[in-house]
Amino acid sequence: MAEDMEPEFYLRWKHCETPGVKTLCNLRTLLNQLQKNHRDDVHMYTSGHLNPNKLYRPPETILYHWPNANRPRESKVFGPERLSDKVKKMKDAWAHFTINTAVGPSDAENTPLFRYLNPPSQASHASQEDVSPKAGLREVGSPARPKREELRLPDMKVLKYKEVRSSRECVMSPPGRDEFQYVSSHLAAITKADSYRKFLSFQKQVLAKQDLLMRDFTGSQAARCHEKKLEQELQKICVCDPEEFNRLQVFGEVFEDICKSSLVFGDILKEIKEEYELYMLLLLKNHPTEQYKSLLTQVQSLQKGKVKTADVEWAREELRVLVTALRAALDHDNRLRNELEQERVLLEAARNRAESPEKKVVKEENLTLIEKVEKKRCEVLHKWDEIQALERLIKTSFVHTGILQITETKIKSLETETIKLETANKILMKKIQFIVNFVKQIMGRNKLREEEQQNLWGFIKEFAKLKETDIS
């Protein structure tokens, strides 16, 4: 009965419905359902936990100043409100206007709608005799359904990921032109393994989640990168010279990378670096180091005295002679000490090989007193000869320890003086070379002839010889 009461404008579209499939050609039902769903959604959102009616309200004393204050609301007294005929007519007019003004689909041949409503009959490879009567009844009783096709998912158009070295570069660099790429969806894969691999590649290429861990510019990963770079650069620097400033340069470069990579503290760290470099520049310019001061005082002291090359050579030769003499004396002393030790060993051996005390006692008992005295006298004289021989050996061959110490100290002092004279000689040679170059530059600027230059050099040499004679 409900279908019979439907208006004529709905019946005109009745032919577009496929049997067994629920369509949306009845726009009035569609609009009513849309309105109902919209009203339900609004009611659901307004009755949530953020609605003022759901908030806690403390009890308050309500004062009623009129007699009908406790009267219930109209919504509770009256029944559900019914729509008037005028409202129904307006809704029907809305649906009627929408349907009559819409452009209808074309039912002509060779159109998509015609091919969809009238699909071609499927050619049967079997003969009519092999067809069962049940299949024949199905073909006669029900219309042929369209062939079912699989859904092909299109490629997605996404932004191409741009690698960023630092957060500061990401923010401060000017935005470039967006580049897009087409990526196939993981839902289009055949197996679950392929789908999972495509999903991982989508996360790696498009979402780039690995950069959140590998390029964490505010965590420990950035500190490890800077530390590794600093260690590699320091290993390339030679540490043999303590006055090298390459280490400061390496530290400055790594600190510059930190300033560039940090978005929050980059400007502050850069200002600190610039102030520190300015301070170091002023410090090195105005306050020389202690080593520089000591070298400066030594050079100034050497400038006051004048030393000749012949004196340096004579002192060096004398030092060489003294060193050779001292080494020869030490070798002779060691040889005599060894000989004395050997004599002592032989003397002890001779005493051990002497006759036993009993025989000595027997012989001494047989001797008279005069013979005993003579024997002792011979022994004393023999010892006296040995002592005199040792004294002569000590006087002629051995050297006193104090004399050796004095000689060693004198040699050391001569070595230090020789080193000082050599350094002074080197400094003077450098100064002479500098003066010669300076004189040549002045001659070149004044454009002197060769004869004038030779005369000037001869005058300088004669003046230097006169000064040497005056000093000597």
Protein backbone atom coordinates (compact mmCIF):
# COMPACT_ATOMS: atom_id res chain seq x y z
CA MET A 1 0.00 0.00 0.00
CA ALA A 2 2.83 2.35 0.77
CA GLU A 3 4.27 1.82 -2.67
CA ASP A 4 0.89 2.55 -4.29
CA MET A 5 0.60 5.85 -2.46
CA GLU A 6 3.95 7.15 -3.74
CA PRO A 7 3.73 10.20 -6.03
CA GLU A 8 4.01 10.05 -9.82
CA PHE A 9 7.43 11.77 -9.95
CA TYR A 10 8.92 8.84 -8.02
CA LEU A 11 7.26 6.25 -10.27
CA ARG A 12 8.91 7.74 -13.33
CA TRP A 13 12.33 6.68 -11.95
CA LYS A 14 11.17 3.23 -10.97
CA HIS A 15 12.83 1.64 -14.02
CA CYS A 16 16.39 2.54 -12.82
CA GLU A 17 16.22 0.17 -9.86
CA THR A 18 17.96 -3.14 -10.19
CA PRO A 19 15.96 -6.06 -8.79
CA GLY A 20 17.28 -7.15 -5.43
CA VAL A 21 19.32 -3.97 -4.92
CA LYS A 22 18.13 -1.09 -2.73
CA THR A 23 18.62 2.22 -4.57
CA LEU A 24 18.35 5.89 -3.53
CA CYS A 25 16.00 7.16 -6.21
CA ASN A 26 13.35 8.21 -3.63
CA LEU A 27 14.79 11.64 -2.74
CA ARG A 28 12.08 12.43 -0.22
CA THR A 29 13.02 9.44 1.90
CA LEU A 30 16.67 10.32 1.45
CA LEU A 31 16.22 13.92 2.60
CA ASN A 32 14.11 12.90 5.60
CA GLN A 33 16.74 10.37 6.63
CA LEU A 34 19.46 13.01 6.18
CA GLN A 35 17.59 15.46 8.38
CA LYS A 36 17.02 12.82 11.04
CA ASN A 37 20.69 11.79 11.08
CA HIS A 38 21.80 15.41 11.26
CA ARG A 39 19.48 16.05 14.19
CA ASP A 40 20.79 12.94 15.96
CA ASP A 41 24.40 14.05 15.45
CA VAL A 42 23.67 17.51 16.83
CA HIS A 43 21.92 15.99 19.82
CA MET A 44 24.84 13.62 20.43
CA TYR A 45 27.45 16.43 20.32
CA THR A 46 25.43 18.85 22.48
CA SER A 47 24.73 16.20 25.12
CA GLY A 48 28.40 15.39 25.66
CA HIS A 49 30.52 15.85 28.79
CA LEU A 50 31.33 19.46 27.76
CA ASN A 51 27.68 20.49 27.61
CA PRO A 52 26.81 23.06 30.32
CA ASN A 53 23.86 20.94 31.36
CA LYS A 54 26.25 18.10 32.29
CA LEU A 55 28.48 20.25 34.50
CA TYR A 56 28.26 20.15 38.26
CA ARG A 57 26.06 22.82 39.80
CA PRO A 58 25.96 23.35 43.53
CA PRO A 59 22.50 23.32 45.08
CA GLU A 60 20.97 26.72 45.49
CA THR A 61 17.86 27.94 47.23
CA ILE A 62 15.19 28.73 44.67
CA LEU A 63 12.74 31.42 45.65
CA TYR A 64 9.34 31.26 44.01
CA HIS A 65 7.50 34.57 43.95
CA TRP A 66 4.51 33.44 41.87
CA PRO A 67 2.05 30.60 42.33
CA ASN A 68 2.67 28.79 38.99
CA ALA A 69 6.44 28.49 39.49
CA ASN A 70 6.25 24.72 40.14
CA ARG A 71 4.24 24.07 37.02
CA PRO A 72 5.89 21.39 34.76
CA ARG A 73 7.28 22.33 31.39
CA GLU A 74 5.18 22.17 28.22
CA SER A 75 7.30 19.39 26.75
CA LYS A 76 6.30 17.12 29.62
CA VAL A 77 2.64 18.13 29.71
CA PHE A 78 1.86 17.82 26.01
CA GLY A 79 2.52 14.81 23.83
CA PRO A 80 4.99 14.61 20.93
CA GLU A 81 4.63 17.46 18.47
CA ARG A 82 3.21 16.53 15.09
CA LEU A 83 4.14 18.16 11.84
CA SER A 84 1.43 20.21 10.23
CA ASP A 85 0.19 19.64 6.71
CA LYS A 86 1.80 22.87 5.61
CA VAL A 87 5.24 21.65 6.73
CA LYS A 88 4.73 18.32 4.97
CA LYS A 89 3.68 20.12 1.81
CA MET A 90 6.79 22.32 1.95
CA LYS A 91 9.04 19.26 2.33
CA ASP A 92 7.33 17.51 -0.59
CA ALA A 93 7.74 20.64 -2.69
CA TRP A 94 11.49 20.63 -1.88
CA ALA A 95 11.89 17.06 -3.04
CA HIS A 96 9.64 17.64 -6.09
CA PHE A 97 11.68 20.70 -7.14
CA THR A 98 14.96 18.84 -6.72
CA ILE A 99 13.86 15.89 -8.84
CA ASN A 100 12.17 17.86 -11.62
CA THR A 101 15.06 20.31 -12.05
CA ALA A 102 17.79 17.65 -12.06
CA VAL A 103 19.34 16.52 -15.33
CA GLY A 104 18.32 12.93 -15.87
CA PRO A 105 20.63 10.26 -17.18
CA SER A 106 20.48 9.35 -20.84
CA ASP A 107 18.97 5.94 -21.66
CA ALA A 108 20.20 5.93 -25.26
CA GLU A 109 22.25 3.12 -26.65
CA ASN A 110 26.06 3.07 -26.35
CA THR A 111 25.89 4.95 -23.02
CA PRO A 112 27.27 3.69 -19.69
CA LEU A 113 23.79 3.60 -18.12
CA PHE A 114 22.35 1.57 -21.00
CA ARG A 115 25.22 -0.91 -20.87
CA TYR A 116 24.79 -1.22 -17.10
CA LEU A 117 20.99 -1.78 -17.28
CA ASN A 118 21.19 -4.07 -20.33
CA PRO A 119 24.34 -6.19 -19.98
CA PRO A 120 25.24 -8.45 -22.93
CA SER A 121 24.32 -12.09 -22.57
CA GLN A 122 27.26 -14.30 -21.67
CA ALA A 123 28.27 -16.65 -24.47
CA SER A 124 28.05 -20.24 -23.39
CA HIS A 125 30.73 -22.56 -24.66
CA ALA A 126 28.52 -25.59 -23.98
CA SER A 127 25.83 -26.71 -26.39
CA GLN A 128 22.10 -26.23 -25.79
CA GLU A 129 21.70 -29.93 -25.22
CA ASP A 130 24.15 -29.95 -22.30
CA VAL A 131 22.33 -27.17 -20.45
CA SER A 132 20.37 -28.42 -17.47
CA PRO A 133 16.67 -27.47 -17.10
CA LYS A 134 17.45 -25.75 -13.78
CA ALA A 135 19.91 -23.42 -15.50
CA GLY A 136 17.31 -22.70 -18.15
CA LEU A 137 14.74 -21.77 -15.55
CA ARG A 138 17.23 -19.43 -13.85
CA GLU A 139 17.94 -17.66 -17.14
CA VAL A 140 14.24 -17.24 -17.86
CA GLY A 141 13.09 -16.30 -14.38
CA SER A 142 15.81 -13.83 -13.30
CA PRO A 143 17.67 -11.18 -15.32
CA ALA A 144 21.39 -11.60 -15.99
CA ARG A 145 23.61 -9.85 -13.46
CA PRO A 146 26.61 -7.72 -14.58
CA LYS A 147 30.06 -9.20 -14.47
CA ARG A 148 31.84 -8.49 -11.20
CA GLU A 149 35.23 -6.78 -11.56
CA GLU A 150 37.99 -6.33 -8.98
CA LEU A 151 38.73 -2.87 -7.63
CA ARG A 152 42.07 -1.45 -8.73
CA LEU A 153 43.52 1.00 -6.25
CA PRO A 154 45.15 4.01 -7.91
CA ASP A 155 48.58 5.35 -6.95
CA MET A 156 48.62 8.00 -4.24
CA LYS A 157 50.07 11.43 -4.93
CA VAL A 158 52.19 12.46 -1.93
CA LEU A 159 54.84 15.04 -1.19
CA LYS A 160 58.43 14.01 -1.80
CA TYR A 161 60.45 13.97 1.41
CA LYS A 162 63.35 16.43 1.57
CA GLU A 163 66.25 15.58 3.81
CA VAL A 164 67.04 18.26 6.38
CA ARG A 165 70.37 18.35 8.18
CA SER A 166 69.26 20.44 11.14
CA SER A 167 66.16 21.96 12.68
CA ARG A 168 67.61 25.43 12.18
CA GLU A 169 68.08 24.79 8.47
CA CYS A 170 64.52 23.47 8.25
CA VAL A 171 63.08 26.68 9.74
CA MET A 172 65.46 29.36 8.44
CA SER A 173 65.86 28.11 4.86
CA PRO A 174 63.41 29.63 2.29
CA PRO A 175 60.57 27.30 1.33
CA GLY A 176 61.12 25.70 -2.04
CA ARG A 177 58.72 24.37 -4.59
CA ASP A 178 56.75 21.33 -3.52
CA GLU A 179 57.70 18.13 -5.31
CA PHE A 180 55.26 15.26 -5.56
CA GLN A 181 55.64 11.56 -6.20
CA TYR A 182 53.28 8.67 -6.86
CA VAL A 183 53.34 5.77 -4.42
CA SER A 184 51.34 2.58 -4.73
CA SER A 185 49.13 1.67 -1.80
CA HIS A 186 49.99 -1.29 0.38
CA LEU A 187 46.38 -2.50 0.05
CA ALA A 188 47.01 -3.31 -3.62
CA ALA A 189 49.57 -6.00 -2.77
CA ILE A 190 48.80 -9.63 -3.51
CA THR A 191 50.11 -11.27 -0.33
CA LYS A 192 50.33 -10.04 3.22
CA ALA A 193 54.13 -10.09 3.09
CA ASP A 194 54.13 -7.77 0.06
CA SER A 195 51.61 -5.54 1.78
CA TYR A 196 53.77 -5.33 4.89
CA ARG A 197 56.90 -4.54 2.84
CA LYS A 198 55.06 -1.80 0.95
CA PHE A 199 53.78 -0.40 4.22
CA LEU A 200 57.33 -0.25 5.64
CA SER A 201 58.63 1.42 2.47
CA PHE A 202 55.80 3.98 2.72
CA GLN A 203 56.82 4.78 6.29
CA LYS A 204 60.47 5.11 5.28
CA GLN A 205 60.02 7.17 2.10
CA VAL A 206 56.97 9.31 2.91
CA LEU A 207 56.54 9.48 6.67
CA ALA A 208 60.32 9.28 7.37
CA LYS A 209 59.91 8.07 10.93
CA GLN A 210 63.54 6.95 11.11
CA ASP A 211 64.64 10.61 11.02
CA LEU A 212 62.94 11.16 14.36
CA LEU A 213 65.54 8.82 15.86
CA MET A 214 68.57 9.31 13.60
CA ARG A 215 68.28 13.11 13.27
CA ASP A 216 67.20 14.06 16.75
CA PHE A 217 68.84 17.51 16.86
CA THR A 218 67.81 18.10 20.47
CA GLY A 219 68.92 14.78 21.99
CA SER A 220 71.94 12.58 22.45
CA GLN A 221 72.26 11.64 18.76
CA ALA A 222 73.41 15.16 17.81
CA ALA A 223 75.90 15.18 20.68
CA ARG A 224 77.34 11.85 19.50
CA CYS A 225 77.71 13.16 15.93
CA HIS A 226 79.54 16.30 17.07
CA GLU A 227 81.73 14.27 19.44
CA LYS A 228 82.68 11.81 16.69
CA LYS A 229 83.54 14.63 14.28
CA LEU A 230 85.66 16.38 16.92
CA GLU A 231 87.55 13.16 17.68
CA GLN A 232 88.26 12.49 14.00
CA GLU A 233 89.52 16.02 13.37
CA LEU A 234 91.75 16.01 16.46
CA GLN A 235 93.36 12.74 15.39
CA LYS A 236 94.52 14.39 12.17
CA ILE A 237 96.40 17.17 14.02
CA CYS A 238 100.06 16.78 15.01
CA VAL A 239 100.66 17.35 18.74
CA CYS A 240 104.44 17.63 18.52
CA ASP A 241 104.38 21.44 18.51
CA PRO A 242 102.65 22.84 21.64
CA GLU A 243 102.24 26.25 20.03
CA GLU A 244 99.98 25.03 17.22
CA PHE A 245 96.61 26.74 16.99
CA ASN A 246 94.99 24.08 14.77
CA ARG A 247 93.24 22.58 17.78
CA LEU A 248 91.50 25.89 18.44
CA GLN A 249 90.45 25.99 14.81
CA VAL A 250 88.94 22.49 15.02
CA PHE A 251 87.05 23.38 18.20
CA GLY A 252 85.78 26.52 16.52
CA GLU A 253 84.49 24.60 13.48
CA VAL A 254 82.64 22.05 15.61
CA PHE A 255 81.16 24.84 17.74
CA GLU A 256 80.03 26.56 14.52
CA ASP A 257 78.23 23.34 13.48
CA ILE A 258 76.48 23.26 16.85
CA CYS A 259 75.36 26.87 16.39
CA LYS A 260 74.00 26.09 12.93
CA SER A 261 72.17 22.92 13.97
CA SER A 262 70.46 24.31 17.07
CA LEU A 263 67.21 26.21 16.46
CA VAL A 264 66.61 27.39 20.03
CA PHE A 265 70.14 28.20 21.23
CA GLY A 266 71.85 28.83 17.87
CA ASP A 267 71.85 32.65 18.04
CA ILE A 268 72.95 32.70 21.69
CA LEU A 269 75.81 30.26 21.11
CA LYS A 270 76.92 32.20 18.04
CA GLU A 271 77.11 35.45 20.02
CA ILE A 272 79.11 33.67 22.75
CA LYS A 273 81.52 32.29 20.12
CA GLU A 274 82.07 35.70 18.53
CA GLU A 275 82.73 37.35 21.90
CA TYR A 276 85.20 34.61 22.84
CA GLU A 277 87.08 34.92 19.53
CA LEU A 278 87.30 38.70 19.96
CA TYR A 279 88.61 38.25 23.51
CA MET A 280 91.26 35.74 22.39
CA LEU A 281 92.36 38.05 19.57
CA LEU A 282 92.83 40.97 21.96
CA LEU A 283 94.60 38.74 24.48
CA LEU A 284 97.10 37.42 21.95
CA LYS A 285 97.69 40.88 20.55
CA ASN A 286 98.26 42.79 23.81
CA HIS A 287 99.66 40.16 26.20
CA PRO A 288 102.48 37.94 24.80
CA THR A 289 103.17 34.60 26.42
CA GLU A 290 105.90 33.91 28.97
CA GLN A 291 108.02 32.06 26.45
CA TYR A 292 107.87 34.99 24.08
CA LYS A 293 108.95 37.33 26.89
CA SER A 294 111.91 35.12 27.87
CA LEU A 295 113.10 34.86 24.26
CA LEU A 296 112.75 38.61 23.85
CA THR A 297 114.91 39.31 26.92
CA GLN A 298 117.53 36.81 25.74
CA VAL A 299 117.72 38.39 22.31
CA GLN A 300 117.97 41.86 23.82
CA SER A 301 120.84 40.73 26.06
CA LEU A 302 122.64 39.21 23.09
CA GLN A 303 122.28 42.42 21.10
CA LYS A 304 124.36 44.32 23.68
CA GLY A 305 127.47 42.11 23.33
CA LYS A 306 129.44 41.46 20.16
CA VAL A 307 130.95 38.03 19.58
CA LYS A 308 133.30 37.01 16.77
CA THR A 309 133.14 33.76 14.89
CA ALA A 310 136.80 33.03 15.65
CA ASP A 311 136.17 33.18 19.40
CA VAL A 312 133.34 30.69 19.07
CA GLU A 313 135.52 28.29 17.08
CA TRP A 314 138.40 28.61 19.56
CA ALA A 315 136.10 27.89 22.53
CA ARG A 316 134.64 24.91 20.73
CA GLU A 317 138.09 23.49 19.98
CA GLU A 318 139.23 23.97 23.56
CA LEU A 319 136.13 22.22 24.81
CA ARG A 320 136.76 19.30 22.47
CA VAL A 321 140.38 18.93 23.73
CA LEU A 322 139.28 19.00 27.35
CA VAL A 323 136.62 16.39 26.75
CA THR A 324 139.09 14.02 25.07
CA ALA A 325 141.65 14.49 27.88
CA LEU A 326 139.03 13.85 30.52
CA ARG A 327 137.85 10.68 28.79
CA ALA A 328 141.45 9.38 28.51
CA ALA A 329 142.08 10.08 32.22
CA LEU A 330 138.90 8.28 33.21
CA ASP A 331 139.84 5.25 31.10
CA HIS A 332 143.34 5.11 32.65
CA ASP A 333 141.88 5.40 36.15
CA ASN A 334 139.51 2.51 35.50
CA ARG A 335 142.35 0.37 34.13
CA LEU A 336 144.52 0.99 37.22
CA ARG A 337 141.67 0.18 39.53
CA ASN A 338 141.20 -3.13 37.78
CA GLU A 339 144.93 -3.95 38.07
CA LEU A 340 144.92 -3.11 41.79
CA GLU A 341 141.96 -5.39 42.31
CA GLN A 342 143.78 -8.21 40.54
CA GLU A 343 146.88 -7.72 42.72
CA ARG A 344 144.76 -7.94 45.84
CA VAL A 345 143.23 -11.18 44.65
CA LEU A 346 146.69 -12.64 43.96
CA LEU A 347 147.96 -11.53 47.38
CA GLU A 348 145.07 -13.26 49.12
CA ALA A 349 145.72 -16.40 47.15
CA ALA A 350 149.43 -16.34 48.12
CA ARG A 351 148.56 -15.98 51.75
CA ASN A 352 146.22 -18.91 51.53
CA ARG A 353 148.94 -21.02 49.97
CA ALA A 354 151.40 -20.14 52.73
CA GLU A 355 152.55 -22.69 55.22
CA SER A 356 150.34 -23.75 58.06
CA PRO A 357 150.69 -21.99 61.44
CA GLU A 358 152.16 -25.07 63.07
CA LYS A 359 155.13 -25.17 60.73
CA LYS A 360 155.64 -21.45 61.21
CA VAL A 361 155.64 -21.93 64.97
CA VAL A 362 158.20 -24.76 64.70
CA LYS A 363 160.50 -22.70 62.49
CA GLU A 364 160.20 -19.65 64.74
CA GLU A 365 161.01 -21.76 67.77
CA ASN A 366 164.20 -23.03 66.11
CA LEU A 367 165.33 -19.48 65.21
CA THR A 368 167.20 -17.26 67.57
CA LEU A 369 166.07 -13.81 68.64
CA ILE A 370 168.40 -12.03 66.23
CA GLU A 371 167.17 -14.11 63.30
CA LYS A 372 163.58 -13.33 64.23
CA VAL A 373 164.31 -9.59 64.30
CA GLU A 374 166.06 -9.77 60.94
CA LYS A 375 163.14 -11.61 59.45
CA LYS A 376 160.63 -9.04 60.68
CA ARG A 377 162.85 -6.26 59.41
CA CYS A 378 162.90 -7.82 55.92
CA GLU A 379 159.11 -8.06 55.93
CA VAL A 380 158.76 -4.43 56.99
CA LEU A 381 161.11 -3.27 54.26
CA HIS A 382 159.24 -5.30 51.69
CA LYS A 383 155.94 -3.74 52.74
CA TRP A 384 157.56 -0.30 52.66
CA ASP A 385 158.68 -0.87 49.08
CA GLU A 386 155.17 -1.91 48.10
CA ILE A 387 153.69 1.18 49.75
CA GLN A 388 156.10 3.50 47.95
CA ALA A 389 155.34 1.81 44.63
CA LEU A 390 151.62 2.32 45.21
CA GLU A 391 152.16 5.99 46.12
CA ARG A 392 154.15 6.57 42.94
CA LEU A 393 151.43 4.84 40.93
CA ILE A 394 148.72 6.97 42.52
CA LYS A 395 150.65 10.20 41.97
CA THR A 396 151.44 9.45 38.33
CA SER A 397 148.28 7.68 37.18
CA PHE A 398 145.31 8.43 39.45
CA VAL A 399 143.32 11.69 39.57
CA HIS A 400 141.57 13.13 42.61
CA THR A 401 137.76 13.01 42.68
CA GLY A 402 137.45 16.71 43.45
CA ILE A 403 139.54 17.58 40.41
CA LEU A 404 137.25 15.43 38.27
CA GLN A 405 134.16 17.17 39.60
CA ILE A 406 135.70 20.60 38.97
CA THR A 407 136.61 19.58 35.44
CA GLU A 408 133.10 18.28 34.77
CA THR A 409 131.49 21.51 35.99
CA LYS A 410 133.89 23.53 33.85
CA ILE A 411 133.01 21.42 30.80
CA LYS A 412 129.30 21.93 31.41
CA SER A 413 129.77 25.69 31.75
CA LEU A 414 131.79 25.74 28.54
CA GLU A 415 129.03 23.79 26.79
CA THR A 416 126.39 26.29 27.90
CA GLU A 417 128.58 29.20 26.84
CA THR A 418 129.14 27.54 23.48
CA ILE A 419 125.39 27.09 22.98
CA LYS A 420 124.80 30.74 23.85
CA LEU A 421 127.52 31.83 21.44
CA GLU A 422 126.03 29.67 18.69
CA THR A 423 122.56 31.12 19.20
CA ALA A 424 124.00 34.63 19.23
CA ASN A 425 125.91 33.88 16.05
CA LYS A 426 122.73 32.59 14.35
CA ILE A 427 120.78 35.68 15.40
CA LEU A 428 123.55 37.96 14.13
CA MET A 429 123.68 36.11 10.83
CA LYS A 430 119.93 36.51 10.42
CA LYS A 431 120.22 40.22 11.21
CA ILE A 432 123.06 40.62 8.72
CA GLN A 433 121.00 38.87 6.06
CA PHE A 434 118.01 41.08 6.87
CA ILE A 435 120.17 44.23 6.64
CA VAL A 436 121.66 43.07 3.34
CA ASN A 437 118.19 42.47 1.89
CA PHE A 438 117.01 45.84 3.20
CA VAL A 439 120.01 47.62 1.63
CA LYS A 440 119.34 45.83 -1.68
CA GLN A 441 115.71 46.96 -1.59
CA ILE A 442 116.75 50.56 -0.95
CA MET A 443 119.27 50.39 -3.82
CA GLY A 444 116.56 49.01 -6.08
CA ARG A 445 114.15 51.77 -5.12
CA ASN A 446 116.79 54.50 -5.71
CA LYS A 447 117.83 52.86 -9.02
CA LEU A 448 121.59 53.05 -8.37
CA ARG A 449 124.05 51.95 -10.99
CA GLU A 450 126.29 48.91 -10.57
CA GLU A 451 129.40 51.00 -9.92
CA GLU A 452 127.67 53.00 -7.21
CA GLN A 453 126.38 49.78 -5.64
CA GLN A 454 129.88 48.26 -5.60
CA ASN A 455 131.33 51.41 -4.04
CA LEU A 456 128.64 51.38 -1.35
CA TRP A 457 129.28 47.70 -0.53
CA GLY A 458 133.03 48.36 -0.30
CA PHE A 459 132.43 51.27 2.08
CA ILE A 460 130.22 49.09 4.29
CA LYS A 461 132.86 46.32 4.46
CA GLU A 462 135.64 48.80 5.36
CA PHE A 463 133.48 50.34 8.06
CA ALA A 464 132.76 46.89 9.53
CA LYS A 465 136.51 46.06 9.59
CA LEU A 466 137.29 49.33 11.39
CA LYS A 467 134.68 48.54 14.02
CA GLU A 468 136.15 45.06 14.58
CA THR A 469 139.65 46.51 15.05
CA ASP A 470 138.35 49.09 17.52
CA ILE A 471 136.58 46.39 19.57
CA SER A 472 139.63 44.12 19.61
